[in-house]
């Protein structure tokens, strides 16, 4: 399973959205993610990938999130 697929699965589980809505080009705004939802998604991703994502990373899209995780 790729990094994108893992992130996609987490977002689907946390936000209860259709996986087809989540592409690399998707932004969190596109997915209508509020601050609480974003916190839950980021926490789940941090746990899954054993990383820490700070607010100052300024990650706005799925592609940026995948790139951050993979570096």
N, C-alpha and C. Protein backbone atom coordinates (compact mmCIF):
# COMPACT_ATOMS: atom_id res chain seq x y z
N UNK A 1 0.85 -1.18 0.00
CA UNK A 1 0.00 0.00 0.00
C UNK A 1 0.90 1.24 0.00
N UNK A 2 0.62 2.17 -0.90
CA UNK A 2 1.44 3.37 -1.01
C UNK A 2 1.10 4.37 0.09
N UNK A 3 1.96 5.36 0.24
CA UNK A 3 1.71 6.41 1.23
C UNK A 3 0.38 7.08 0.95
N UNK A 4 0.12 7.41 -0.32
CA UNK A 4 -1.15 8.04 -0.68
C UNK A 4 -2.33 7.16 -0.29
N UNK A 5 -2.24 5.87 -0.58
CA UNK A 5 -3.35 4.97 -0.26
C UNK A 5 -3.60 4.88 1.24
N UNK A 6 -2.53 4.89 2.04
CA UNK A 6 -2.69 4.86 3.49
C UNK A 6 -3.35 6.15 3.98
N UNK A 7 -2.88 7.28 3.46
CA UNK A 7 -3.47 8.57 3.83
C UNK A 7 -4.94 8.63 3.40
N UNK A 8 -5.20 8.16 2.20
CA UNK A 8 -6.57 8.14 1.69
C UNK A 8 -7.47 7.31 2.61
N UNK A 9 -7.01 6.15 3.03
CA UNK A 9 -7.79 5.28 3.91
C UNK A 9 -8.06 5.95 5.25
N UNK A 10 -7.07 6.65 5.78
CA UNK A 10 -7.24 7.35 7.06
C UNK A 10 -8.30 8.45 6.91
N UNK A 11 -8.20 9.22 5.82
CA UNK A 11 -9.17 10.31 5.61
C UNK A 11 -10.57 9.75 5.42
N UNK A 12 -10.70 8.67 4.68
CA UNK A 12 -12.01 8.05 4.48
C UNK A 12 -12.59 7.61 5.83
N UNK A 13 -11.76 7.00 6.66
CA UNK A 13 -12.22 6.52 7.96
C UNK A 13 -12.59 7.67 8.90
N UNK A 14 -11.74 8.68 8.96
CA UNK A 14 -11.95 9.79 9.89
C UNK A 14 -13.09 10.72 9.46
N UNK A 15 -13.21 10.97 8.15
CA UNK A 15 -14.17 11.97 7.68
C UNK A 15 -15.42 11.36 7.05
N UNK A 16 -15.40 10.03 6.89
CA UNK A 16 -16.53 9.34 6.27
C UNK A 16 -16.89 9.94 4.91
N UNK A 17 -15.86 10.09 4.07
CA UNK A 17 -16.06 10.58 2.71
C UNK A 17 -15.78 9.45 1.72
N UNK A 18 -16.23 9.64 0.51
CA UNK A 18 -16.02 8.67 -0.55
C UNK A 18 -14.55 8.71 -0.98
N UNK A 19 -13.89 7.56 -1.11
CA UNK A 19 -12.47 7.55 -1.52
C UNK A 19 -12.23 8.24 -2.86
N UNK A 20 -13.24 8.24 -3.73
CA UNK A 20 -13.09 8.89 -5.04
C UNK A 20 -12.91 10.40 -4.92
N UNK A 21 -13.32 10.98 -3.79
CA UNK A 21 -13.18 12.42 -3.57
C UNK A 21 -11.74 12.80 -3.24
N UNK A 22 -10.94 11.82 -2.85
CA UNK A 22 -9.58 12.10 -2.37
C UNK A 22 -8.57 11.74 -3.44
N UNK A 23 -7.97 12.78 -4.01
CA UNK A 23 -6.91 12.60 -5.00
C UNK A 23 -5.69 13.37 -4.51
N UNK A 24 -4.57 13.19 -5.19
CA UNK A 24 -3.38 13.95 -4.82
C UNK A 24 -3.62 15.45 -4.96
N UNK A 25 -4.48 15.84 -5.89
CA UNK A 25 -4.75 17.25 -6.14
C UNK A 25 -5.72 17.85 -5.14
N UNK A 26 -6.40 17.01 -4.35
CA UNK A 26 -7.39 17.50 -3.39
C UNK A 26 -6.73 18.35 -2.31
N UNK A 27 -7.42 19.42 -1.95
CA UNK A 27 -6.98 20.21 -0.79
C UNK A 27 -7.94 19.90 0.34
N UNK A 28 -7.54 20.26 1.54
CA UNK A 28 -8.43 20.04 2.68
C UNK A 28 -9.67 20.92 2.56
N UNK A 29 -9.52 22.08 1.92
CA UNK A 29 -10.69 22.94 1.67
C UNK A 29 -11.68 22.25 0.73
N UNK A 30 -11.15 21.57 -0.30
CA UNK A 30 -12.02 20.83 -1.24
C UNK A 30 -12.86 19.79 -0.52
N UNK A 31 -12.29 19.22 0.53
CA UNK A 31 -12.97 18.16 1.28
C UNK A 31 -13.83 18.71 2.42
N UNK A 32 -13.94 20.04 2.52
CA UNK A 32 -14.71 20.69 3.57
C UNK A 32 -14.30 20.23 4.97
N UNK A 33 -12.98 20.22 5.19
CA UNK A 33 -12.43 19.78 6.47
C UNK A 33 -12.35 20.98 7.41
N UNK A 34 -13.01 20.88 8.56
CA UNK A 34 -12.89 21.95 9.55
C UNK A 34 -11.69 21.66 10.46
N UNK A 35 -11.42 22.56 11.38
CA UNK A 35 -10.21 22.43 12.19
C UNK A 35 -10.21 21.18 13.07
N UNK A 36 -11.37 20.80 13.60
CA UNK A 36 -11.44 19.59 14.43
C UNK A 36 -11.20 18.34 13.57
N UNK A 37 -11.83 18.30 12.39
CA UNK A 37 -11.62 17.17 11.48
C UNK A 37 -10.15 17.07 11.09
N UNK A 38 -9.55 18.21 10.77
CA UNK A 38 -8.14 18.22 10.37
C UNK A 38 -7.26 17.72 11.50
N UNK A 39 -7.56 18.12 12.73
CA UNK A 39 -6.80 17.65 13.89
C UNK A 39 -6.88 16.12 14.01
N UNK A 40 -8.08 15.57 13.82
CA UNK A 40 -8.26 14.12 13.92
C UNK A 40 -7.50 13.40 12.81
N UNK A 41 -7.56 13.94 11.60
CA UNK A 41 -6.85 13.33 10.47
C UNK A 41 -5.34 13.38 10.70
N UNK A 42 -4.83 14.54 11.10
CA UNK A 42 -3.39 14.69 11.31
C UNK A 42 -2.91 13.77 12.44
N UNK A 43 -3.69 13.69 13.52
CA UNK A 43 -3.32 12.80 14.62
C UNK A 43 -3.24 11.35 14.17
N UNK A 44 -4.21 10.92 13.38
CA UNK A 44 -4.21 9.54 12.88
C UNK A 44 -3.03 9.30 11.94
N UNK A 45 -2.71 10.28 11.12
CA UNK A 45 -1.57 10.15 10.19
C UNK A 45 -0.26 10.12 10.97
N UNK A 46 -0.15 10.97 11.99
CA UNK A 46 1.07 10.97 12.82
C UNK A 46 1.26 9.60 13.47
N UNK A 47 0.18 9.02 13.96
CA UNK A 47 0.27 7.70 14.59
C UNK A 47 0.65 6.63 13.58
N UNK A 48 0.05 6.67 12.41
CA UNK A 48 0.31 5.65 11.37
C UNK A 48 1.75 5.69 10.88
N UNK A 49 2.27 6.91 10.66
CA UNK A 49 3.59 7.05 10.03
C UNK A 49 4.69 7.40 11.03
N UNK A 50 4.35 7.54 12.31
CA UNK A 50 5.33 7.88 13.34
C UNK A 50 6.09 9.16 12.98
N UNK A 51 5.33 10.20 12.67
CA UNK A 51 5.89 11.51 12.35
C UNK A 51 5.17 12.56 13.19
N UNK A 52 5.73 13.76 13.21
CA UNK A 52 5.08 14.89 13.86
C UNK A 52 4.87 15.97 12.82
N UNK A 53 3.64 16.40 12.68
CA UNK A 53 3.30 17.44 11.71
C UNK A 53 2.90 18.68 12.49
N UNK A 54 3.71 19.72 12.38
CA UNK A 54 3.44 20.97 13.08
C UNK A 54 2.59 21.89 12.22
N UNK A 55 1.89 22.81 12.87
CA UNK A 55 1.07 23.79 12.15
C UNK A 55 1.88 24.61 11.16
N UNK A 56 3.14 24.86 11.49
CA UNK A 56 3.96 25.70 10.61
C UNK A 56 4.41 24.98 9.34
N UNK A 57 4.06 23.70 9.19
CA UNK A 57 4.37 22.98 7.94
C UNK A 57 3.51 23.53 6.80
N UNK A 58 2.34 24.10 7.14
CA UNK A 58 1.45 24.73 6.18
C UNK A 58 1.05 23.79 5.04
N UNK A 59 0.67 22.59 5.39
CA UNK A 59 0.25 21.59 4.42
C UNK A 59 -1.21 21.83 4.07
N UNK A 60 -1.46 22.03 2.77
CA UNK A 60 -2.81 22.36 2.34
C UNK A 60 -3.45 21.31 1.43
N UNK A 61 -2.63 20.45 0.84
CA UNK A 61 -3.18 19.46 -0.10
C UNK A 61 -2.69 18.06 0.26
N UNK A 62 -3.35 17.09 -0.33
CA UNK A 62 -2.96 15.69 -0.12
C UNK A 62 -1.56 15.45 -0.69
N UNK A 63 -1.26 16.05 -1.84
CA UNK A 63 0.07 15.89 -2.45
C UNK A 63 1.15 16.42 -1.52
N UNK A 64 0.91 17.58 -0.89
CA UNK A 64 1.89 18.15 0.04
C UNK A 64 2.06 17.24 1.26
N UNK A 65 0.97 16.65 1.71
CA UNK A 65 1.02 15.74 2.85
C UNK A 65 1.82 14.49 2.51
N UNK A 66 1.57 13.92 1.35
CA UNK A 66 2.31 12.73 0.90
C UNK A 66 3.80 13.06 0.80
N UNK A 67 4.13 14.21 0.19
CA UNK A 67 5.54 14.61 0.03
C UNK A 67 6.20 14.78 1.40
N UNK A 68 5.49 15.38 2.36
CA UNK A 68 6.04 15.57 3.71
C UNK A 68 6.33 14.22 4.36
N UNK A 69 5.39 13.30 4.27
CA UNK A 69 5.54 11.98 4.89
C UNK A 69 6.72 11.23 4.26
N UNK A 70 6.87 11.34 2.96
CA UNK A 70 7.88 10.56 2.24
C UNK A 70 9.30 11.11 2.38
N UNK A 71 9.45 12.35 2.84
CA UNK A 71 10.81 12.89 2.96
C UNK A 71 11.51 12.52 4.24
